[in-house]
Amino acid sequence: MCMPVLIGLLPAIGLSFLASNKFEHIACATMILLAAACLWFGCRIHRRWGVLVLLAAGAALVLYTQFGGPSEQKETQTDWHEAAAMAIGGSLIALSHWINLRLRRRCGCQECCNHRKPNTP
């Protein structure tokens, strides 16, 4: 319930840098690097490298939208094409994570089984 009030207070408490274009670019690049690292470790276990293709497609859409689109100073209204591209790119990245998790669960190797089963005495 407090979230709308807190978001409205962010500029007043000195967090206006969160709305900057530079912060958005850094957050986008960091998100893609973390996603790639997570999928890389999963693919090393289950050996199905196709999920990286989904990640690459989603990352390409997100990166093109962030770095290849028009600069923020030239924008005068909401660009729905940009919003749709970001939503599709983010969905592809999320889908790649979901598939990776399912493949790790089905893998059947000792390392995956150790992560799933709680240690019971």
PDB file of N, CA and C in Angstrom:
ATOM      1  N   MET A   1       0.818  -1.191   0.000  1.00  0.00           N
ATOM      2  CA  MET A   1       0.000   0.000   0.000  1.00  0.00           C
ATOM      3  C   MET A   1       0.861   1.253   0.000  1.00  0.00           C
ATOM      4  N   CYS A   2       2.034   1.174   0.546  1.00  0.00           N
ATOM      5  CA  CYS A   2       2.909   2.342   0.650  1.00  0.00           C
ATOM      6  C   CYS A   2       3.711   2.594  -0.627  1.00  0.00           C
ATOM      7  N   MET A   3       3.736   1.644  -1.554  1.00  0.00           N
ATOM      8  CA  MET A   3       4.586   1.771  -2.726  1.00  0.00           C
ATOM      9  C   MET A   3       4.315   3.034  -3.547  1.00  0.00           C
ATOM     10  N   PRO A   4       3.067   3.421  -3.831  1.00  0.00           N
ATOM     11  CA  PRO A   4       2.863   4.658  -4.599  1.00  0.00           C
ATOM     12  C   PRO A   4       3.426   5.890  -3.892  1.00  0.00           C
ATOM     13  N   VAL A   5       3.302   5.929  -2.596  1.00  0.00           N
ATOM     14  CA  VAL A   5       3.831   7.072  -1.835  1.00  0.00           C
ATOM     15  C   VAL A   5       5.360   7.059  -1.876  1.00  0.00           C
ATOM     16  N   LEU A   6       5.957   5.880  -1.691  1.00  0.00           N
ATOM     17  CA  LEU A   6       7.415   5.776  -1.714  1.00  0.00           C
ATOM     18  C   LEU A   6       7.985   6.139  -3.077  1.00  0.00           C
ATOM     19  N   ILE A   7       7.334   5.700  -4.127  1.00  0.00           N
ATOM     20  CA  ILE A   7       7.803   6.034  -5.471  1.00  0.00           C
ATOM     21  C   ILE A   7       7.704   7.541  -5.698  1.00  0.00           C
ATOM     22  N   GLY A   8       6.656   8.148  -5.207  1.00  0.00           N
ATOM     23  CA  GLY A   8       6.520   9.596  -5.336  1.00  0.00           C
ATOM     24  C   GLY A   8       7.569  10.366  -4.542  1.00  0.00           C
ATOM     25  N   LEU A   9       8.063   9.767  -3.472  1.00  0.00           N
ATOM     26  CA  LEU A   9       9.064  10.434  -2.630  1.00  0.00           C
ATOM     27  C   LEU A   9      10.505  10.212  -3.094  1.00  0.00           C
ATOM     28  N   LEU A  10      10.738   9.308  -4.026  1.00  0.00           N
ATOM     29  CA  LEU A  10      12.099   9.008  -4.466  1.00  0.00           C
ATOM     30  C   LEU A  10      12.883  10.253  -4.896  1.00  0.00           C
ATOM     31  N   PRO A  11      12.324  11.130  -5.743  1.00  0.00           N
ATOM     32  CA  PRO A  11      13.098  12.318  -6.114  1.00  0.00           C
ATOM     33  C   PRO A  11      13.403  13.221  -4.917  1.00  0.00           C
ATOM     34  N   ALA A  12      12.502  13.286  -3.977  1.00  0.00           N
ATOM     35  CA  ALA A  12      12.705  14.158  -2.815  1.00  0.00           C
ATOM     36  C   ALA A  12      13.821  13.651  -1.911  1.00  0.00           C
ATOM     37  N   ILE A  13      14.041  12.337  -1.887  1.00  0.00           N
ATOM     38  CA  ILE A  13      15.090  11.813  -1.014  1.00  0.00           C
ATOM     39  C   ILE A  13      16.396  11.560  -1.769  1.00  0.00           C
ATOM     40  N   GLY A  14      16.517  12.103  -2.955  1.00  0.00           N
ATOM     41  CA  GLY A  14      17.780  12.065  -3.683  1.00  0.00           C
ATOM     42  C   GLY A  14      18.001  10.850  -4.543  1.00  0.00           C
ATOM     43  N   LEU A  15      16.969  10.148  -4.919  1.00  0.00           N
ATOM     44  CA  LEU A  15      17.119   8.967  -5.763  1.00  0.00           C
ATOM     45  C   LEU A  15      16.647   9.225  -7.193  1.00  0.00           C
ATOM     46  N   SER A  16      16.758  10.454  -7.635  1.00  0.00           N
ATOM     47  CA  SER A  16      16.299  10.783  -8.983  1.00  0.00           C
ATOM     48  C   SER A  16      17.190  10.163 -10.051  1.00  0.00           C
ATOM     49  N   PHE A  17      18.401   9.705  -9.673  1.00  0.00           N
ATOM     50  CA  PHE A  17      19.270   9.054 -10.654  1.00  0.00           C
ATOM     51  C   PHE A  17      18.645   7.764 -11.186  1.00  0.00           C
ATOM     52  N   LEU A  18      17.685   7.180 -10.436  1.00  0.00           N
ATOM     53  CA  LEU A  18      17.020   5.967 -10.897  1.00  0.00           C
ATOM     54  C   LEU A  18      16.204   6.208 -12.165  1.00  0.00           C
ATOM     55  N   ALA A  19      15.832   7.453 -12.425  1.00  0.00           N
ATOM     56  CA  ALA A  19      15.037   7.778 -13.605  1.00  0.00           C
ATOM     57  C   ALA A  19      15.909   8.194 -14.787  1.00  0.00           C
ATOM     58  N   SER A  20      17.218   8.186 -14.630  1.00  0.00           N
ATOM     59  CA  SER A  20      18.093   8.647 -15.706  1.00  0.00           C
ATOM     60  C   SER A  20      18.280   7.563 -16.769  1.00  0.00           C
ATOM     61  N   ASN A  21      18.578   8.013 -17.958  1.00  0.00           N
ATOM     62  CA  ASN A  21      18.794   7.119 -19.080  1.00  0.00           C
ATOM     63  C   ASN A  21      20.061   6.283 -18.872  1.00  0.00           C
ATOM     64  N   LYS A  22      21.080   6.882 -18.283  1.00  0.00           N
ATOM     65  CA  LYS A  22      22.341   6.181 -18.031  1.00  0.00           C
ATOM     66  C   LYS A  22      22.130   5.016 -17.058  1.00  0.00           C
ATOM     67  N   PHE A  23      21.375   5.244 -15.994  1.00  0.00           N
ATOM     68  CA  PHE A  23      21.096   4.177 -15.040  1.00  0.00           C
ATOM     69  C   PHE A  23      20.321   3.047 -15.716  1.00  0.00           C
ATOM     70  N   GLU A  24      19.394   3.393 -16.588  1.00  0.00           N
ATOM     71  CA  GLU A  24      18.608   2.383 -17.303  1.00  0.00           C
ATOM     72  C   GLU A  24      19.501   1.524 -18.193  1.00  0.00           C
ATOM     73  N   HIS A  25      20.477   2.152 -18.868  1.00  0.00           N
ATOM     74  CA  HIS A  25      21.408   1.401 -19.705  1.00  0.00           C
ATOM     75  C   HIS A  25      22.269   0.457 -18.868  1.00  0.00           C
ATOM     76  N   ILE A  26      22.763   0.944 -17.728  1.00  0.00           N
ATOM     77  CA  ILE A  26      23.601   0.118 -16.855  1.00  0.00           C
ATOM     78  C   ILE A  26      22.792  -1.052 -16.290  1.00  0.00           C
ATOM     79  N   ALA A  27      21.567  -0.786 -15.856  1.00  0.00           N
ATOM     80  CA  ALA A  27      20.716  -1.851 -15.314  1.00  0.00           C
ATOM     81  C   ALA A  27      20.397  -2.889 -16.386  1.00  0.00           C
ATOM     82  N   CYS A  28      20.159  -2.457 -17.605  1.00  0.00           N
ATOM     83  CA  CYS A  28      19.848  -3.365 -18.712  1.00  0.00           C
ATOM     84  C   CYS A  28      21.038  -4.271 -19.013  1.00  0.00           C
ATOM     85  N   ALA A  29      22.220  -3.700 -19.120  1.00  0.00           N
ATOM     86  CA  ALA A  29      23.418  -4.486 -19.413  1.00  0.00           C
ATOM     87  C   ALA A  29      23.721  -5.457 -18.269  1.00  0.00           C
ATOM     88  N   THR A  30      23.548  -5.016 -17.032  1.00  0.00           N
ATOM     89  CA  THR A  30      23.784  -5.881 -15.884  1.00  0.00           C
ATOM     90  C   THR A  30      22.800  -7.043 -15.865  1.00  0.00           C
ATOM     91  N   MET A  31      21.541  -6.763 -16.166  1.00  0.00           N
ATOM     92  CA  MET A  31      20.523  -7.805 -16.188  1.00  0.00           C
ATOM     93  C   MET A  31      20.860  -8.871 -17.231  1.00  0.00           C
ATOM     94  N   ILE A  32      21.308  -8.470 -18.385  1.00  0.00           N
ATOM     95  CA  ILE A  32      21.621  -9.424 -19.442  1.00  0.00           C
ATOM     96  C   ILE A  32      22.865 -10.236 -19.089  1.00  0.00           C
ATOM     97  N   LEU A  33      23.862  -9.607 -18.488  1.00  0.00           N
ATOM     98  CA  LEU A  33      25.053 -10.343 -18.070  1.00  0.00           C
ATOM     99  C   LEU A  33      24.725 -11.379 -16.997  1.00  0.00           C
ATOM    100  N   LEU A  34      23.899 -11.011 -16.034  1.00  0.00           N
ATOM    101  CA  LEU A  34      23.504 -11.966 -14.995  1.00  0.00           C
ATOM    102  C   LEU A  34      22.671 -13.116 -15.575  1.00  0.00           C
ATOM    103  N   ALA A  35      21.781 -12.782 -16.502  1.00  0.00           N
ATOM    104  CA  ALA A  35      20.968 -13.829 -17.141  1.00  0.00           C
ATOM    105  C   ALA A  35      21.855 -14.788 -17.919  1.00  0.00           C
ATOM    106  N   ALA A  36      22.842 -14.260 -18.631  1.00  0.00           N
ATOM    107  CA  ALA A  36      23.743 -15.117 -19.399  1.00  0.00           C
ATOM    108  C   ALA A  36      24.559 -16.018 -18.475  1.00  0.00           C
ATOM    109  N   ALA A  37      25.016 -15.480 -17.359  1.00  0.00           N
ATOM    110  CA  ALA A  37      25.790 -16.296 -16.412  1.00  0.00           C
ATOM    111  C   ALA A  37      24.937 -17.425 -15.839  1.00  0.00           C
ATOM    112  N   CYS A  38      23.707 -17.115 -15.459  1.00  0.00           N
ATOM    113  CA  CYS A  38      22.821 -18.147 -14.907  1.00  0.00           C
ATOM    114  C   CYS A  38      22.541 -19.237 -15.931  1.00  0.00           C
ATOM    115  N   LEU A  39      22.250 -18.855 -17.155  1.00  0.00           N
ATOM    116  CA  LEU A  39      21.967 -19.859 -18.175  1.00  0.00           C
ATOM    117  C   LEU A  39      23.212 -20.655 -18.536  1.00  0.00           C
ATOM    118  N   TRP A  40      24.358 -20.025 -18.533  1.00  0.00           N
ATOM    119  CA  TRP A  40      25.594 -20.722 -18.852  1.00  0.00           C
ATOM    120  C   TRP A  40      25.831 -21.864 -17.866  1.00  0.00           C
ATOM    121  N   PHE A  41      25.662 -21.574 -16.569  1.00  0.00           N
ATOM    122  CA  PHE A  41      25.874 -22.616 -15.571  1.00  0.00           C
ATOM    123  C   PHE A  41      24.831 -23.725 -15.690  1.00  0.00           C
ATOM    124  N   GLY A  42      23.595 -23.361 -16.011  1.00  0.00           N
ATOM    125  CA  GLY A  42      22.573 -24.377 -16.215  1.00  0.00           C
ATOM    126  C   GLY A  42      22.858 -25.240 -17.428  1.00  0.00           C
ATOM    127  N   CYS A  43      23.298 -24.616 -18.515  1.00  0.00           N
ATOM    128  CA  CYS A  43      23.592 -25.359 -19.743  1.00  0.00           C
ATOM    129  C   CYS A  43      24.785 -26.294 -19.561  1.00  0.00           C
ATOM    130  N   ARG A  44      25.714 -25.928 -18.728  1.00  0.00           N
ATOM    131  CA  ARG A  44      26.852 -26.809 -18.463  1.00  0.00           C
ATOM    132  C   ARG A  44      26.394 -28.085 -17.765  1.00  0.00           C
ATOM    133  N   ILE A  45      25.279 -28.005 -17.044  1.00  0.00           N
ATOM    134  CA  ILE A  45      24.774 -29.182 -16.336  1.00  0.00           C
ATOM    135  C   ILE A  45      23.910 -30.043 -17.251  1.00  0.00           C
ATOM    136  N   HIS A  46      22.914 -29.439 -17.908  1.00  0.00           N
ATOM    137  CA  HIS A  46      21.980 -30.251 -18.694  1.00  0.00           C
ATOM    138  C   HIS A  46      22.359 -30.380 -20.164  1.00  0.00           C
ATOM    139  N   ARG A  47      23.355 -29.666 -20.615  1.00  0.00           N
ATOM    140  CA  ARG A  47      23.908 -29.786 -21.980  1.00  0.00           C
ATOM    141  C   ARG A  47      22.906 -29.490 -23.096  1.00  0.00           C
ATOM    142  N   ARG A  48      21.914 -28.697 -22.819  1.00  0.00           N
ATOM    143  CA  ARG A  48      20.968 -28.267 -23.866  1.00  0.00           C
ATOM    144  C   ARG A  48      21.218 -26.783 -24.118  1.00  0.00           C
ATOM    145  N   TRP A  49      21.998 -26.493 -25.110  1.00  0.00           N
ATOM    146  CA  TRP A  49      22.468 -25.138 -25.349  1.00  0.00           C
ATOM    147  C   TRP A  49      21.455 -24.284 -26.108  1.00  0.00           C
ATOM    148  N   GLY A  50      20.337 -24.838 -26.500  1.00  0.00           N
ATOM    149  CA  GLY A  50      19.327 -24.097 -27.248  1.00  0.00           C
ATOM    150  C   GLY A  50      18.685 -22.968 -26.456  1.00  0.00           C
ATOM    151  N   VAL A  51      18.671 -23.077 -25.127  1.00  0.00           N
ATOM    152  CA  VAL A  51      18.069 -21.999 -24.337  1.00  0.00           C
ATOM    153  C   VAL A  51      18.857 -20.701 -24.474  1.00  0.00           C
ATOM    154  N   LEU A  52      20.133 -20.819 -24.830  1.00  0.00           N
ATOM    155  CA  LEU A  52      20.927 -19.612 -25.046  1.00  0.00           C
ATOM    156  C   LEU A  52      20.445 -18.837 -26.279  1.00  0.00           C
ATOM    157  N   VAL A  53      19.824 -19.549 -27.224  1.00  0.00           N
ATOM    158  CA  VAL A  53      19.279 -18.872 -28.409  1.00  0.00           C
ATOM    159  C   VAL A  53      18.121 -17.963 -27.996  1.00  0.00           C
ATOM    160  N   LEU A  54      17.260 -18.457 -27.100  1.00  0.00           N
ATOM    161  CA  LEU A  54      16.165 -17.613 -26.602  1.00  0.00           C
ATOM    162  C   LEU A  54      16.710 -16.400 -25.853  1.00  0.00           C
ATOM    163  N   LEU A  55      17.713 -16.640 -25.024  1.00  0.00           N
ATOM    164  CA  LEU A  55      18.335 -15.527 -24.309  1.00  0.00           C
ATOM    165  C   LEU A  55      18.926 -14.523 -25.282  1.00  0.00           C
ATOM    166  N   ALA A  56      19.610 -15.003 -26.301  1.00  0.00           N
ATOM    167  CA  ALA A  56      20.233 -14.110 -27.278  1.00  0.00           C
ATOM    168  C   ALA A  56      19.184 -13.285 -28.029  1.00  0.00           C
ATOM    169  N   ALA A  57      18.068 -13.914 -28.387  1.00  0.00           N
ATOM    170  CA  ALA A  57      17.012 -13.180 -29.095  1.00  0.00           C
ATOM    171  C   ALA A  57      16.400 -12.110 -28.191  1.00  0.00           C
ATOM    172  N   GLY A  58      16.104 -12.472 -26.954  1.00  0.00           N
ATOM    173  CA  GLY A  58      15.552 -11.492 -26.022  1.00  0.00           C
ATOM    174  C   GLY A  58      16.533 -10.383 -25.715  1.00  0.00           C
ATOM    175  N   ALA A  59      17.800 -10.751 -25.525  1.00  0.00           N
ATOM    176  CA  ALA A  59      18.820  -9.744 -25.233  1.00  0.00           C
ATOM    177  C   ALA A  59      19.015  -8.814 -26.423  1.00  0.00           C
ATOM    178  N   ALA A  60      18.965  -9.351 -27.642  1.00  0.00           N
ATOM    179  CA  ALA A  60      19.114  -8.511 -28.827  1.00  0.00           C
ATOM    180  C   ALA A  60      17.990  -7.482 -28.910  1.00  0.00           C
ATOM    181  N   LEU A  61      16.761  -7.918 -28.645  1.00  0.00           N
ATOM    182  CA  LEU A  61      15.635  -6.979 -28.659  1.00  0.00           C
ATOM    183  C   LEU A  61      15.788  -5.893 -27.593  1.00  0.00           C
ATOM    184  N   VAL A  62      16.141  -6.322 -26.385  1.00  0.00           N
ATOM    185  CA  VAL A  62      16.277  -5.364 -25.286  1.00  0.00           C
ATOM    186  C   VAL A  62      17.428  -4.403 -25.548  1.00  0.00           C
ATOM    187  N   LEU A  63      18.564  -4.935 -25.974  1.00  0.00           N
ATOM    188  CA  LEU A  63      19.723  -4.071 -26.218  1.00  0.00           C
ATOM    189  C   LEU A  63      19.483  -3.120 -27.381  1.00  0.00           C
ATOM    190  N   TYR A  64      18.849  -3.605 -28.451  1.00  0.00           N
ATOM    191  CA  TYR A  64      18.555  -2.700 -29.565  1.00  0.00           C
ATOM    192  C   TYR A  64      17.609  -1.588 -29.134  1.00  0.00           C
ATOM    193  N   THR A  65      16.611  -1.949 -28.343  1.00  0.00           N
ATOM    194  CA  THR A  65      15.659  -0.946 -27.877  1.00  0.00           C
ATOM    195  C   THR A  65      16.338   0.073 -26.979  1.00  0.00           C
ATOM    196  N   GLN A  66      17.235  -0.384 -26.109  1.00  0.00           N
ATOM    197  CA  GLN A  66      17.904   0.520 -25.181  1.00  0.00           C
ATOM    198  C   GLN A  66      18.951   1.388 -25.861  1.00  0.00           C
ATOM    199  N   PHE A  67      19.773   0.777 -26.703  1.00  0.00           N
ATOM    200  CA  PHE A  67      20.919   1.492 -27.246  1.00  0.00           C
ATOM    201  C   PHE A  67      20.753   1.916 -28.700  1.00  0.00           C
ATOM    202  N   GLY A  68      19.848   1.304 -29.438  1.00  0.00           N
ATOM    203  CA  GLY A  68      19.712   1.603 -30.852  1.00  0.00           C
ATOM    204  C   GLY A  68      18.541   2.500 -31.198  1.00  0.00           C
ATOM    205  N   GLY A  69      17.657   2.731 -30.249  1.00  0.00           N
ATOM    206  CA  GLY A  69      16.482   3.555 -30.509  1.00  0.00           C
ATOM    207  C   GLY A  69      16.803   5.042 -30.481  1.00  0.00           C
ATOM    208  N   PRO A  70      15.802   5.879 -30.684  1.00  0.00           N
ATOM    209  CA  PRO A  70      16.037   7.327 -30.650  1.00  0.00           C
ATOM    210  C   PRO A  70      16.413   7.781 -29.244  1.00  0.00           C
ATOM    211  N   SER A  71      17.184   8.861 -29.189  1.00  0.00           N
ATOM    212  CA  SER A  71      17.606   9.356 -27.884  1.00  0.00           C
ATOM    213  C   SER A  71      16.409   9.912 -27.123  1.00  0.00           C
ATOM    214  N   GLU A  72      16.534   9.953 -25.818  1.00  0.00           N
ATOM    215  CA  GLU A  72      15.425  10.361 -24.961  1.00  0.00           C
ATOM    216  C   GLU A  72      15.046  11.837 -25.171  1.00  0.00           C
ATOM    217  N   GLN A  73      16.002  12.661 -25.571  1.00  0.00           N
ATOM    218  CA  GLN A  73      15.710  14.076 -25.790  1.00  0.00           C
ATOM    219  C   GLN A  73      14.784  14.287 -26.981  1.00  0.00           C
ATOM    220  N   LYS A  74      14.827  13.384 -27.979  1.00  0.00           N
ATOM    221  CA  LYS A  74      14.000  13.527 -29.173  1.00  0.00           C
ATOM    222  C   LYS A  74      12.594  12.977 -28.986  1.00  0.00           C
ATOM    223  N   GLU A  75      12.384  12.189 -27.952  1.00  0.00           N
ATOM    224  CA  GLU A  75      11.074  11.589 -27.729  1.00  0.00           C
ATOM    225  C   GLU A  75      10.120  12.610 -27.129  1.00  0.00           C
ATOM    226  N   THR A  76       8.930  12.694 -27.709  1.00  0.00           N
ATOM    227  CA  THR A  76       7.925  13.618 -27.194  1.00  0.00           C
ATOM    228  C   THR A  76       6.715  12.895 -26.635  1.00  0.00           C
ATOM    229  N   GLN A  77       6.519  11.667 -27.010  1.00  0.00           N
ATOM    230  CA  GLN A  77       5.392  10.893 -26.509  1.00  0.00           C
ATOM    231  C   GLN A  77       5.824   9.442 -26.319  1.00  0.00           C
ATOM    232  N   THR A  78       4.966   8.668 -25.706  1.00  0.00           N
ATOM    233  CA  THR A  78       5.282   7.266 -25.447  1.00  0.00           C
ATOM    234  C   THR A  78       5.363   6.503 -26.757  1.00  0.00           C
ATOM    235  N   ASP A  79       6.436   5.770 -26.927  1.00  0.00           N
ATOM    236  CA  ASP A  79       6.624   4.954 -28.123  1.00  0.00           C
ATOM    237  C   ASP A  79       6.188   3.534 -27.797  1.00  0.00           C
ATOM    238  N   TRP A  80       5.025   3.126 -28.298  1.00  0.00           N
ATOM    239  CA  TRP A  80       4.475   1.820 -27.984  1.00  0.00           C
ATOM    240  C   TRP A  80       5.256   0.704 -28.650  1.00  0.00           C
ATOM    241  N   HIS A  81       5.932   1.013 -29.757  1.00  0.00           N
ATOM    242  CA  HIS A  81       6.769   0.001 -30.389  1.00  0.00           C
ATOM    243  C   HIS A  81       7.943  -0.362 -29.473  1.00  0.00           C
ATOM    244  N   GLU A  82       8.516   0.641 -28.843  1.00  0.00           N
ATOM    245  CA  GLU A  82       9.610   0.402 -27.916  1.00  0.00           C
ATOM    246  C   GLU A  82       9.137  -0.399 -26.707  1.00  0.00           C
ATOM    247  N   ALA A  83       7.974  -0.037 -26.191  1.00  0.00           N
ATOM    248  CA  ALA A  83       7.432  -0.760 -25.039  1.00  0.00           C
ATOM    249  C   ALA A  83       7.138  -2.215 -25.398  1.00  0.00           C
ATOM    250  N   ALA A  84       6.595  -2.455 -26.585  1.00  0.00           N
ATOM    251  CA  ALA A  84       6.297  -3.825 -27.014  1.00  0.00           C
ATOM    252  C   ALA A  84       7.586  -4.621 -27.208  1.00  0.00           C
ATOM    253  N   ALA A  85       8.604  -4.003 -27.806  1.00  0.00           N
ATOM    254  CA  ALA A  85       9.878  -4.695 -28.017  1.00  0.00           C
ATOM    255  C   ALA A  85      10.525  -5.050 -26.685  1.00  0.00           C
ATOM    256  N   MET A  86      10.459  -4.145 -25.711  1.00  0.00           N
ATOM    257  CA  MET A  86      11.022  -4.434 -24.393  1.00  0.00           C
ATOM    258  C   MET A  86      10.248  -5.561 -23.711  1.00  0.00           C
ATOM    259  N   ALA A  87       8.928  -5.546 -23.837  1.00  0.00           N
ATOM    260  CA  ALA A  87       8.109  -6.598 -23.225  1.00  0.00           C
ATOM    261  C   ALA A  87       8.389  -7.958 -23.862  1.00  0.00           C
ATOM    262  N   ILE A  88       8.502  -7.996 -25.178  1.00  0.00           N
ATOM    263  CA  ILE A  88       8.788  -9.258 -25.866  1.00  0.00           C
ATOM    264  C   ILE A  88      10.191  -9.742 -25.520  1.00  0.00           C
ATOM    265  N   GLY A  89      11.164  -8.835 -25.522  1.00  0.00           N
ATOM    266  CA  GLY A  89      12.532  -9.212 -25.175  1.00  0.00           C
ATOM    267  C   GLY A  89      12.640  -9.734 -23.750  1.00  0.00           C
ATOM    268  N   GLY A  90      12.005  -9.046 -22.818  1.00  0.00           N
ATOM    269  CA  GLY A  90      12.003  -9.506 -21.428  1.00  0.00           C
ATOM    270  C   GLY A  90      11.297 -10.835 -21.274  1.00  0.00           C
ATOM    271  N   SER A  91      10.230 -11.034 -22.029  1.00  0.00           N
ATOM    272  CA  SER A  91       9.508 -12.312 -21.975  1.00  0.00           C
ATOM    273  C   SER A  91      10.352 -13.456 -22.524  1.00  0.00           C
ATOM    274  N   LEU A  92      11.120 -13.197 -23.580  1.00  0.00           N
ATOM    275  CA  LEU A  92      12.005 -14.235 -24.113  1.00  0.00           C
ATOM    276  C   LEU A  92      13.100 -14.591 -23.108  1.00  0.00           C
ATOM    277  N   ILE A  93      13.625 -13.599 -22.422  1.00  0.00           N
ATOM    278  CA  ILE A  93      14.640 -13.857 -21.400  1.00  0.00           C
ATOM    279  C   ILE A  93      14.034 -14.665 -20.256  1.00  0.00           C
ATOM    280  N   ALA A  94      12.839 -14.285 -19.821  1.00  0.00           N
ATOM    281  CA  ALA A  94      12.176 -15.033 -18.751  1.00  0.00           C
ATOM    282  C   ALA A  94      11.860 -16.459 -19.194  1.00  0.00           C
ATOM    283  N   LEU A  95      11.421 -16.638 -20.440  1.00  0.00           N
ATOM    284  CA  LEU A  95      11.134 -17.975 -20.967  1.00  0.00           C
ATOM    285  C   LEU A  95      12.394 -18.828 -20.996  1.00  0.00           C
ATOM    286  N   SER A  96      13.517 -18.240 -21.360  1.00  0.00           N
ATOM    287  CA  SER A  96      14.767 -19.007 -21.373  1.00  0.00           C
ATOM    288  C   SER A  96      15.133 -19.474 -19.963  1.00  0.00           C
ATOM    289  N   HIS A  97      14.906 -18.635 -18.953  1.00  0.00           N
ATOM    290  CA  HIS A  97      15.155 -19.042 -17.569  1.00  0.00           C
ATOM    291  C   HIS A  97      14.212 -20.161 -17.141  1.00  0.00           C
ATOM    292  N   TRP A  98      12.952 -20.056 -17.499  1.00  0.00           N
ATOM    293  CA  TRP A  98      11.968 -21.069 -17.129  1.00  0.00           C
ATOM    294  C   TRP A  98      12.324 -22.421 -17.750  1.00  0.00           C
ATOM    295  N   ILE A  99      12.677 -22.412 -19.029  1.00  0.00           N
ATOM    296  CA  ILE A  99      13.063 -23.653 -19.703  1.00  0.00           C
ATOM    297  C   ILE A  99      14.334 -24.214 -19.067  1.00  0.00           C
ATOM    298  N   ASN A 100      15.289 -23.347 -18.754  1.00  0.00           N
ATOM    299  CA  ASN A 100      16.521 -23.788 -18.120  1.00  0.00           C
ATOM    300  C   ASN A 100      16.238 -24.480 -16.783  1.00  0.00           C
ATOM    301  N   LEU A 101      15.351 -23.903 -15.987  1.00  0.00           N
ATOM    302  CA  LEU A 101      15.010 -24.515 -14.705  1.00  0.00           C
ATOM    303  C   LEU A 101      14.337 -25.869 -14.889  1.00  0.00           C
ATOM    304  N   ARG A 102      13.443 -25.972 -15.867  1.00  0.00           N
ATOM    305  CA  ARG A 102      12.776 -27.253 -16.125  1.00  0.00           C
ATOM    306  C   ARG A 102      13.769 -28.308 -16.602  1.00  0.00           C
ATOM    307  N   LEU A 103      14.717 -27.900 -17.434  1.00  0.00           N
ATOM    308  CA  LEU A 103      15.732 -28.846 -17.908  1.00  0.00           C
ATOM    309  C   LEU A 103      16.631 -29.300 -16.772  1.00  0.00           C
ATOM    310  N   ARG A 104      16.940 -28.399 -15.865  1.00  0.00           N
ATOM    311  CA  ARG A 104      17.765 -28.796 -14.720  1.00  0.00           C
ATOM    312  C   ARG A 104      17.019 -29.778 -13.830  1.00  0.00           C
ATOM    313  N   ARG A 105      15.715 -29.599 -13.678  1.00  0.00           N
ATOM    314  CA  ARG A 105      14.930 -30.530 -12.864  1.00  0.00           C
ATOM    315  C   ARG A 105      14.837 -31.905 -13.506  1.00  0.00           C
ATOM    316  N   ARG A 106      14.765 -31.962 -14.821  1.00  0.00           N
ATOM    317  CA  ARG A 106      14.648 -33.225 -15.536  1.00  0.00           C
ATOM    318  C   ARG A 106      15.992 -33.903 -15.771  1.00  0.00           C
ATOM    319  N   CYS A 107      17.047 -33.205 -15.529  1.00  0.00           N
ATOM    320  CA  CYS A 107      18.384 -33.674 -15.879  1.00  0.00           C
ATOM    321  C   CYS A 107      18.680 -35.039 -15.284  1.00  0.00           C
ATOM    322  N   GLY A 108      18.415 -35.218 -14.003  1.00  0.00           N
ATOM    323  CA  GLY A 108      18.642 -36.507 -13.375  1.00  0.00           C
ATOM    324  C   GLY A 108      20.064 -36.739 -12.912  1.00  0.00           C
ATOM    325  N   CYS A 109      20.957 -35.793 -13.143  1.00  0.00           N
ATOM    326  CA  CYS A 109      22.327 -35.998 -12.689  1.00  0.00           C
ATOM    327  C   CYS A 109      22.417 -35.776 -11.181  1.00  0.00           C
ATOM    328  N   GLN A 110      23.478 -36.236 -10.599  1.00  0.00           N
ATOM    329  CA  GLN A 110      23.639 -36.176  -9.148  1.00  0.00           C
ATOM    330  C   GLN A 110      23.648 -34.730  -8.641  1.00  0.00           C
ATOM    331  N   GLU A 111      24.282 -33.825  -9.406  1.00  0.00           N
ATOM    332  CA  GLU A 111      24.363 -32.432  -8.969  1.00  0.00           C
ATOM    333  C   GLU A 111      22.979 -31.787  -8.893  1.00  0.00           C
ATOM    334  N   CYS A 112      22.142 -32.037  -9.901  1.00  0.00           N
ATOM    335  CA  CYS A 112      20.790 -31.478  -9.885  1.00  0.00           C
ATOM    336  C   CYS A 112      19.951 -32.100  -8.776  1.00  0.00           C
ATOM    337  N   CYS A 113      20.080 -33.405  -8.588  1.00  0.00           N
ATOM    338  CA  CYS A 113      19.290 -34.085  -7.556  1.00  0.00           C
ATOM    339  C   CYS A 113      19.663 -33.587  -6.167  1.00  0.00           C
ATOM    340  N   ASN A 114      20.913 -33.268  -5.951  1.00  0.00           N
ATOM    341  CA  ASN A 114      21.334 -32.747  -4.652  1.00  0.00           C
ATOM    342  C   ASN A 114      20.719 -31.390  -4.360  1.00  0.00           C
ATOM    343  N   HIS A 115      20.464 -30.592  -5.396  1.00  0.00           N
ATOM    344  CA  HIS A 115      19.860 -29.274  -5.200  1.00  0.00           C
ATOM    345  C   HIS A 115      18.371 -29.361  -4.902  1.00  0.00           C
ATOM    346  N   ARG A 116      17.706 -30.419  -5.382  1.00  0.00           N
ATOM    347  CA  ARG A 116      16.262 -30.544  -5.211  1.00  0.00           C
ATOM    348  C   ARG A 116      15.859 -31.168  -3.891  1.00  0.00           C
ATOM    349  N   LYS A 117      16.557 -32.190  -3.483  1.00  0.00           N
ATOM    350  CA  LYS A 117      16.142 -32.947  -2.316  1.00  0.00           C
ATOM    351  C   LYS A 117      16.699 -32.333  -1.036  1.00  0.00           C
ATOM    352  N   PRO A 118      15.838 -32.077  -0.068  1.00  0.00           N
ATOM    353  CA  PRO A 118      16.351 -31.577   1.198  1.00  0.00           C
ATOM    354  C   PRO A 118      17.080 -32.686   1.949  1.00  0.00           C
ATOM    355  N   ASN A 119      18.057 -32.288   2.707  1.00  0.00           N
ATOM    356  CA  ASN A 119      18.811 -33.271   3.499  1.00  0.00           C
ATOM    357  C   ASN A 119      17.991 -33.646   4.720  1.00  0.00           C
ATOM    358  N   THR A 120      17.560 -34.883   4.765  1.00  0.00           N
ATOM    359  CA  THR A 120      16.795 -35.368   5.906  1.00  0.00           C
ATOM    360  C   THR A 120      17.597 -36.446   6.602  1.00  0.00           C
ATOM    361  N   PRO A 121      17.612 -36.432   7.933  1.00  0.00           N
ATOM    362  CA  PRO A 121      18.391 -37.439   8.650  1.00  0.00           C
ATOM    363  C   PRO A 121      17.772 -38.806   8.623  1.00  0.00           C
TER     364      PRO A 121
END
